[in-house]
Every structure is written in C-alpha cells, then in structure tokens.
C-alpha cells in the first residue's frame, strides 16, 4: 500500500488513457473533501493506491451502510414530495 500525497505527482502513474478523466475527477474530489470540516460531512482521513485502485479512508458512521443510508434518504425525499403534491 502506498499513501497518496496529493502535493506530489504520485497519481500521475495512475493516469491511463481511457481512465485519465476518471482519475482526475477522483483526485479533485479528494482534494476538495480533505478541506471540508462540517458535522454533516463524513471526515476524510487519507487515501492510498494499491494495484491500480484508489482507496479512501473515511470516518466510520455506525447504524447503516452507505447504500442503506442513500435508500433511506430517497424514501424521505419521496415522502416529502408526496406530501407537497397532496397539499396543492
């Protein structure tokens, strides 16, 4: 495993022609995420590259996995939208 140092040019090795834009998006997201500090945003700890994959280490949020959280959030949004439509 190798930790990503965003200040270095380490990530250049990952830039393969067909994946170059995807890698750039990931790098940009990591750069933004590591600067964020808000109680409603999961904390970023570090990133590393292993076998041409980028891994992101983040804060553990107990209670449900990310897919369950997203589905739960979608259900809440749909419920609010239904309530708003019913009031019209």
C-alpha atoms as a PDB file:
ATOM      1  CA  UNK A   1       0.000   0.000   0.000  1.00  0.00           C
ATOM      2  CA  UNK A   2       1.129   3.496  -0.745  1.00  0.00           C
ATOM      3  CA  UNK A   3      -0.440   6.568   0.805  1.00  0.00           C
ATOM      4  CA  UNK A   4      -1.476   9.273  -1.644  1.00  0.00           C
ATOM      5  CA  UNK A   5       0.305  12.559  -1.139  1.00  0.00           C
ATOM      6  CA  UNK A   6      -1.777  14.963  -3.169  1.00  0.00           C
ATOM      7  CA  UNK A   7       1.001  17.523  -3.187  1.00  0.00           C
ATOM      8  CA  UNK A   8       3.255  15.070  -5.043  1.00  0.00           C
ATOM      9  CA  UNK A   9       2.941  13.789  -8.601  1.00  0.00           C
ATOM     10  CA  UNK A  10       2.399  10.206  -7.373  1.00  0.00           C
ATOM     11  CA  UNK A  11      -1.000   9.949  -9.006  1.00  0.00           C
ATOM     12  CA  UNK A  12       0.408  10.542 -12.475  1.00  0.00           C
ATOM     13  CA  UNK A  13       1.222   6.819 -12.616  1.00  0.00           C
ATOM     14  CA  UNK A  14      -2.486   6.004 -12.447  1.00  0.00           C
ATOM     15  CA  UNK A  15      -3.386   8.058 -15.481  1.00  0.00           C
ATOM     16  CA  UNK A  16      -4.093   5.521 -18.185  1.00  0.00           C
ATOM     17  CA  UNK A  17      -5.582   6.974 -21.384  1.00  0.00           C
ATOM     18  CA  UNK A  18      -9.096   5.564 -21.025  1.00  0.00           C
ATOM     19  CA  UNK A  19      -9.229   6.262 -17.279  1.00  0.00           C
ATOM     20  CA  UNK A  20      -7.480   9.617 -17.215  1.00  0.00           C
ATOM     21  CA  UNK A  21     -10.612  11.723 -16.798  1.00  0.00           C
ATOM     22  CA  UNK A  22     -11.963   9.385 -14.085  1.00  0.00           C
ATOM     23  CA  UNK A  23      -8.706   9.585 -12.140  1.00  0.00           C
ATOM     24  CA  UNK A  24      -8.698  13.369 -12.409  1.00  0.00           C
ATOM     25  CA  UNK A  25     -12.251  13.510 -11.032  1.00  0.00           C
ATOM     26  CA  UNK A  26     -11.274  11.289  -8.087  1.00  0.00           C
ATOM     27  CA  UNK A  27      -8.180  13.386  -7.368  1.00  0.00           C
ATOM     28  CA  UNK A  28     -10.222  16.582  -7.479  1.00  0.00           C
ATOM     29  CA  UNK A  29     -12.905  15.134  -5.174  1.00  0.00           C
ATOM     30  CA  UNK A  30     -10.241  14.042  -2.674  1.00  0.00           C
ATOM     31  CA  UNK A  31      -8.619  17.481  -2.724  1.00  0.00           C
ATOM     32  CA  UNK A  32     -11.964  19.157  -2.004  1.00  0.00           C
ATOM     33  CA  UNK A  33     -13.077  16.586   0.561  1.00  0.00           C
ATOM     34  CA  UNK A  34      -9.915  16.843   2.657  1.00  0.00           C
ATOM     35  CA  UNK A  35     -10.524  20.586   3.090  1.00  0.00           C
ATOM     36  CA  UNK A  36     -14.123  20.205   4.314  1.00  0.00           C
ATOM     37  CA  UNK A  37     -14.904  20.425   8.006  1.00  0.00           C
ATOM     38  CA  UNK A  38     -18.605  20.204   8.839  1.00  0.00           C
ATOM     39  CA  UNK A  39     -20.530  17.977  11.278  1.00  0.00           C
ATOM     40  CA  UNK A  40     -22.793  16.711   8.470  1.00  0.00           C
ATOM     41  CA  UNK A  41     -19.917  15.661   6.212  1.00  0.00           C
ATOM     42  CA  UNK A  42     -18.078  12.392   6.813  1.00  0.00           C
ATOM     43  CA  UNK A  43     -14.471  13.068   7.758  1.00  0.00           C
ATOM     44  CA  UNK A  44     -11.728  12.219   5.268  1.00  0.00           C
ATOM     45  CA  UNK A  45      -8.610  10.641   6.790  1.00  0.00           C
ATOM     46  CA  UNK A  46      -6.328   9.531   3.971  1.00  0.00           C
ATOM     47  CA  UNK A  47      -6.148   7.826   0.578  1.00  0.00           C
ATOM     48  CA  UNK A  48      -3.848   5.257  -0.927  1.00  0.00           C
ATOM     49  CA  UNK A  49      -3.236   3.366  -4.149  1.00  0.00           C
ATOM     50  CA  UNK A  50      -2.976  -0.394  -4.337  1.00  0.00           C
ATOM     51  CA  UNK A  51      -2.910  -2.405  -7.574  1.00  0.00           C
ATOM     52  CA  UNK A  52      -4.227   0.491  -9.711  1.00  0.00           C
ATOM     53  CA  UNK A  53      -7.145   1.174  -7.320  1.00  0.00           C
ATOM     54  CA  UNK A  54      -7.630   4.263  -5.174  1.00  0.00           C
ATOM     55  CA  UNK A  55      -8.836   3.620  -1.629  1.00  0.00           C
ATOM     56  CA  UNK A  56     -10.270   6.352   0.572  1.00  0.00           C
ATOM     57  CA  UNK A  57     -10.186   6.036   4.355  1.00  0.00           C
ATOM     58  CA  UNK A  58     -13.046   7.918   5.984  1.00  0.00           C
ATOM     59  CA  UNK A  59     -14.870   8.258   9.261  1.00  0.00           C
ATOM     60  CA  UNK A  60     -16.986   5.306  10.344  1.00  0.00           C
ATOM     61  CA  UNK A  61     -20.671   6.135  10.591  1.00  0.00           C
ATOM     62  CA  UNK A  62     -22.490   3.472  12.579  1.00  0.00           C
ATOM     63  CA  UNK A  63     -26.070   2.405  12.071  1.00  0.00           C
ATOM     64  CA  UNK A  64     -26.284   1.541   8.377  1.00  0.00           C
ATOM     65  CA  UNK A  65     -24.115   1.171   5.309  1.00  0.00           C
ATOM     66  CA  UNK A  66     -23.953   3.810   2.597  1.00  0.00           C
ATOM     67  CA  UNK A  67     -26.445   2.055   0.289  1.00  0.00           C
ATOM     68  CA  UNK A  68     -28.996   1.776   3.112  1.00  0.00           C
ATOM     69  CA  UNK A  69     -28.468   5.427   4.006  1.00  0.00           C
ATOM     70  CA  UNK A  70     -28.995   6.580   0.417  1.00  0.00           C
ATOM     71  CA  UNK A  71     -32.141   4.447   0.037  1.00  0.00           C
ATOM     72  CA  UNK A  72     -33.478   5.777   3.347  1.00  0.00           C
ATOM     73  CA  UNK A  73     -32.785   9.332   2.219  1.00  0.00           C
ATOM     74  CA  UNK A  74     -34.556   8.732  -1.112  1.00  0.00           C
ATOM     75  CA  UNK A  75     -37.593   7.412   0.751  1.00  0.00           C
ATOM     76  CA  UNK A  76     -37.682  10.529   2.934  1.00  0.00           C
ATOM     77  CA  UNK A  77     -37.390  12.825  -0.084  1.00  0.00           C
ATOM     78  CA  UNK A  78     -40.160  10.943  -1.897  1.00  0.00           C
ATOM     79  CA  UNK A  79     -42.363  11.183   1.202  1.00  0.00           C
ATOM     80  CA  UNK A  80     -41.816  14.947   1.413  1.00  0.00           C
ATOM     81  CA  UNK A  81     -42.524  15.344  -2.318  1.00  0.00           C
ATOM     82  CA  UNK A  82     -45.736  13.308  -1.979  1.00  0.00           C
ATOM     83  CA  UNK A  83     -46.843  15.474   0.951  1.00  0.00           C
ATOM     84  CA  UNK A  84     -46.153  18.652  -1.012  1.00  0.00           C
ATOM     85  CA  UNK A  85     -48.131  17.396  -4.015  1.00  0.00           C
ATOM     86  CA  UNK A  86     -51.044  16.410  -1.764  1.00  0.00           C
ATOM     87  CA  UNK A  87     -51.200  19.931  -0.341  1.00  0.00           C
ATOM     88  CA  UNK A  88     -51.554  21.539  -3.789  1.00  0.00           C
END
